[in-house]
Amino acid sequence: MKYLLNLIFLAGINFITMAQTNLPYAVLPDLELDYTEGSIVARTIDGLGFRYYWATEGLTEKELTFTASEDSRDIKTTLEHILQLSKAVRNAVEEKPNIRPETKREYTLEQLRLQTLNNLKIASDAYKLATASEFKKFKVTFQRGENRVSFPFWNLLNGQLSDAIYHTGQVVLLRRIAGNPINPKVNVFLGKLND
């Protein structure tokens, strides 16, 4: 029995390690050849994904609970908010509503990173393939009970997508104040680590 428990424990560690090493956005994807509506939105999402990847890479439990003041969010709460924003970005291309109120659950840092980055990657890939007419279907829809309200794609740009970029910058700042700044080799302009 002890052997079996150790085997299960090691398999779990292996799964987490695999998930961590397979996360998208350690580097920016290759450039698209054409400037289209979809490729421009996708590149914006990819830029967010790259920034988020490195803003969260190497965080510890100590930083997750760090807050700049008593009345501000800690880093983990900010990451949970970014996850919800990334779900809304993904839901738009999948034409799914954002259900309110949201079901609260506890996430590990690994789960937050994996889900957020995968949401962004799925959305980016969908936008790259989208035609101009498909953008009309990519609405931000909120549902509370039977009530639904929808907003056009434009609201996603100035809403969830811009908000996620904003909050990712907050994470970078908060972790620097907490004493664990991001990797100094991160080059957001080139979308890779400097040599």
Protein backbone atom coordinates (compact mmCIF):
# COMPACT_ATOMS: atom_id res chain seq x y z
CA MET A 1 0.00 0.00 0.00
CA LYS A 2 2.82 2.41 0.88
CA TYR A 3 4.45 1.67 -2.49
CA LEU A 4 1.16 2.40 -4.29
CA LEU A 5 0.71 5.72 -2.43
CA ASN A 6 4.28 6.75 -3.33
CA LEU A 7 3.63 5.83 -6.95
CA ILE A 8 0.43 7.93 -7.02
CA PHE A 9 2.28 10.84 -5.37
CA LEU A 10 5.10 10.69 -7.94
CA ALA A 11 2.60 10.45 -10.81
CA GLY A 12 0.89 13.59 -9.48
CA ILE A 13 4.19 15.46 -9.33
CA ASN A 14 4.97 14.29 -12.87
CA PHE A 15 1.59 15.55 -14.12
CA ILE A 16 2.12 18.96 -12.52
CA THR A 17 5.64 19.18 -13.94
CA MET A 18 4.38 18.24 -17.41
CA ALA A 19 1.59 20.80 -17.17
CA GLN A 20 4.07 23.48 -16.14
CA THR A 21 6.53 22.72 -18.93
CA ASN A 22 3.79 22.61 -21.57
CA LEU A 23 2.31 25.99 -20.74
CA PRO A 24 1.87 28.26 -23.74
CA TYR A 25 3.48 31.69 -24.01
CA ALA A 26 6.98 31.17 -22.62
CA VAL A 27 7.80 32.89 -25.93
CA LEU A 28 5.52 34.72 -28.32
CA PRO A 29 4.26 32.66 -31.27
CA ASP A 30 5.70 33.36 -34.71
CA LEU A 31 4.41 36.46 -36.46
CA GLU A 32 1.42 36.17 -38.78
CA LEU A 33 2.15 37.02 -42.40
CA ASP A 34 -0.96 39.14 -42.90
CA TYR A 35 -2.54 41.93 -40.90
CA THR A 36 -6.16 40.93 -40.48
CA GLU A 37 -8.74 41.74 -37.84
CA GLY A 38 -8.21 38.31 -36.36
CA SER A 39 -4.42 38.33 -36.44
CA ILE A 40 -4.25 41.72 -34.72
CA VAL A 41 -6.60 40.65 -31.91
CA ALA A 42 -4.77 37.32 -31.60
CA ARG A 43 -1.42 39.10 -31.29
CA THR A 44 -2.83 41.31 -28.54
CA ILE A 45 -3.99 38.19 -26.68
CA ASP A 46 -0.60 36.56 -27.28
CA GLY A 47 1.14 39.63 -25.84
CA LEU A 48 -1.04 39.32 -22.75
CA GLY A 49 -0.26 35.60 -22.54
CA PHE A 50 3.50 36.25 -22.72
CA ARG A 51 3.32 38.95 -20.04
CA TYR A 52 1.12 36.79 -17.80
CA TYR A 53 3.40 33.76 -18.20
CA TRP A 54 6.42 35.69 -16.96
CA ALA A 55 4.50 37.72 -14.37
CA THR A 56 3.50 34.43 -12.72
CA GLU A 57 6.61 32.31 -13.38
CA GLY A 58 8.50 31.65 -10.14
CA LEU A 59 5.88 33.07 -7.77
CA THR A 60 5.87 31.51 -4.31
CA GLU A 61 3.20 31.16 -1.64
CA LYS A 62 4.76 34.16 0.10
CA GLU A 63 4.06 36.41 -2.90
CA LEU A 64 0.57 35.00 -3.49
CA THR A 65 -0.61 36.44 -0.19
CA PHE A 66 1.25 39.74 -0.63
CA THR A 67 -0.81 42.91 -0.79
CA ALA A 68 0.33 46.53 -1.04
CA SER A 69 -2.22 47.70 1.56
CA GLU A 70 -5.00 46.39 3.77
CA ASP A 71 -7.74 47.42 1.35
CA SER A 72 -6.16 46.08 -1.86
CA ARG A 73 -6.19 42.65 -3.49
CA ASP A 74 -3.40 40.20 -2.84
CA ILE A 75 -1.62 38.64 -5.81
CA LYS A 76 -3.62 35.41 -5.71
CA THR A 77 -6.95 37.26 -5.75
CA THR A 78 -5.67 39.31 -8.69
CA LEU A 79 -4.71 36.09 -10.52
CA GLU A 80 -8.18 34.66 -9.84
CA HIS A 81 -9.67 37.82 -11.37
CA ILE A 82 -7.42 37.51 -14.44
CA LEU A 83 -8.60 33.90 -14.80
CA GLN A 84 -12.22 35.10 -14.92
CA LEU A 85 -11.27 37.73 -17.51
CA SER A 86 -9.52 35.08 -19.63
CA LYS A 87 -12.65 32.92 -19.45
CA ALA A 88 -14.70 35.82 -20.82
CA VAL A 89 -12.22 36.28 -23.69
CA ARG A 90 -12.52 32.56 -24.49
CA ASN A 91 -16.30 32.49 -23.99
CA ALA A 92 -16.71 35.22 -26.62
CA VAL A 93 -15.14 33.14 -29.39
CA GLU A 94 -16.98 30.03 -28.22
CA GLU A 95 -20.23 32.04 -28.10
CA LYS A 96 -20.86 31.03 -24.48
CA PRO A 97 -22.31 33.24 -21.75
CA ASN A 98 -20.46 34.33 -18.63
CA ILE A 99 -22.62 32.98 -15.81
CA ARG A 100 -23.26 35.29 -12.85
CA PRO A 101 -22.80 34.93 -9.98
CA GLU A 102 -19.60 33.01 -10.55
CA THR A 103 -19.02 29.81 -8.64
CA LYS A 104 -16.16 30.41 -6.24
CA ARG A 105 -13.51 27.73 -5.90
CA GLU A 106 -9.96 27.46 -4.64
CA TYR A 107 -7.14 27.28 -7.17
CA THR A 108 -3.48 26.47 -6.83
CA LEU A 109 -1.00 28.71 -8.62
CA GLU A 110 -0.40 25.91 -11.14
CA GLN A 111 -4.14 25.63 -11.87
CA LEU A 112 -4.48 29.39 -12.26
CA ARG A 113 -1.58 29.54 -14.71
CA LEU A 114 -2.64 26.50 -16.71
CA GLN A 115 -6.29 27.56 -17.08
CA THR A 116 -5.57 31.24 -17.77
CA LEU A 117 -2.88 30.57 -20.36
CA ASN A 118 -4.91 27.85 -22.07
CA ASN A 119 -7.98 30.13 -22.22
CA LEU A 120 -5.87 32.81 -23.88
CA LYS A 121 -4.28 30.35 -26.33
CA ILE A 122 -7.66 28.90 -27.37
CA ALA A 123 -9.07 32.40 -27.90
CA SER A 124 -6.00 33.56 -29.84
CA ASP A 125 -6.11 30.53 -32.13
CA ALA A 126 -9.81 31.13 -32.81
CA TYR A 127 -9.27 34.82 -33.62
CA LYS A 128 -6.46 33.99 -36.04
CA LEU A 129 -8.93 31.92 -38.08
CA ALA A 130 -11.88 34.31 -37.75
CA THR A 131 -13.29 36.19 -40.71
CA ALA A 132 -14.45 39.78 -40.44
CA SER A 133 -18.09 38.71 -40.42
CA GLU A 134 -17.50 36.25 -37.58
CA PHE A 135 -16.53 39.10 -35.27
CA LYS A 136 -20.21 40.04 -35.09
CA LYS A 137 -20.87 36.71 -33.37
CA PHE A 138 -18.08 37.18 -30.80
CA LYS A 139 -20.18 38.93 -28.19
CA VAL A 140 -19.59 39.30 -24.49
CA THR A 141 -22.70 37.79 -22.93
CA PHE A 142 -23.59 37.76 -19.25
CA GLN A 143 -26.26 35.49 -17.87
CA ARG A 144 -27.89 35.72 -14.47
CA GLY A 145 -30.60 33.10 -14.13
CA GLU A 146 -32.76 33.39 -17.25
CA ASN A 147 -31.67 36.97 -17.98
CA ARG A 148 -29.04 37.51 -20.66
CA VAL A 149 -27.39 40.68 -21.84
CA SER A 150 -24.89 40.84 -24.70
CA PHE A 151 -22.33 43.41 -25.79
CA PRO A 152 -20.43 43.64 -29.09
CA PHE A 153 -16.83 42.54 -29.56
CA TRP A 154 -15.64 46.13 -29.02
CA ASN A 155 -16.54 45.87 -25.34
CA LEU A 156 -14.22 42.88 -25.01
CA LEU A 157 -11.31 45.03 -26.18
CA ASN A 158 -11.81 47.90 -23.75
CA GLY A 159 -13.25 45.58 -21.08
CA GLN A 160 -11.87 42.15 -20.29
CA LEU A 161 -8.83 42.17 -22.55
CA SER A 162 -7.55 45.58 -21.46
CA ASP A 163 -8.40 44.80 -17.84
CA ALA A 164 -6.37 41.57 -17.95
CA ILE A 165 -3.34 43.44 -19.32
CA TYR A 166 -3.74 46.08 -16.61
CA HIS A 167 -3.95 43.51 -13.79
CA THR A 168 -1.00 41.52 -15.14
CA GLY A 169 1.05 44.70 -14.77
CA GLN A 170 -0.17 44.94 -11.17
CA VAL A 171 1.13 41.43 -10.50
CA VAL A 172 4.55 42.44 -11.90
CA LEU A 173 4.62 45.48 -9.62
CA LEU A 174 3.38 43.65 -6.52
CA ARG A 175 5.87 40.82 -6.84
CA ARG A 176 8.69 43.35 -7.26
CA ILE A 177 7.59 45.10 -4.06
CA ALA A 178 7.36 41.67 -2.35
CA GLY A 179 11.01 41.03 -3.20
CA ASN A 180 10.68 38.53 -6.07
CA PRO A 181 10.80 40.50 -9.35
CA ILE A 182 10.20 38.82 -12.70
CA ASN A 183 13.09 37.39 -14.66
CA PRO A 184 15.18 40.38 -15.81
CA LYS A 185 15.80 38.68 -19.18
CA VAL A 186 12.11 39.01 -20.19
CA ASN A 187 11.88 41.13 -23.34
CA VAL A 188 8.22 42.02 -23.98
CA PHE A 189 9.13 43.90 -27.18
CA LEU A 190 10.65 40.81 -28.82
CA GLY A 191 8.49 38.30 -26.95
CA LYS A 192 11.33 36.15 -25.66
CA LEU A 193 14.08 36.03 -23.06
CA ASN A 194 17.24 38.00 -23.81
CA ASP A 195 20.37 35.90 -24.16
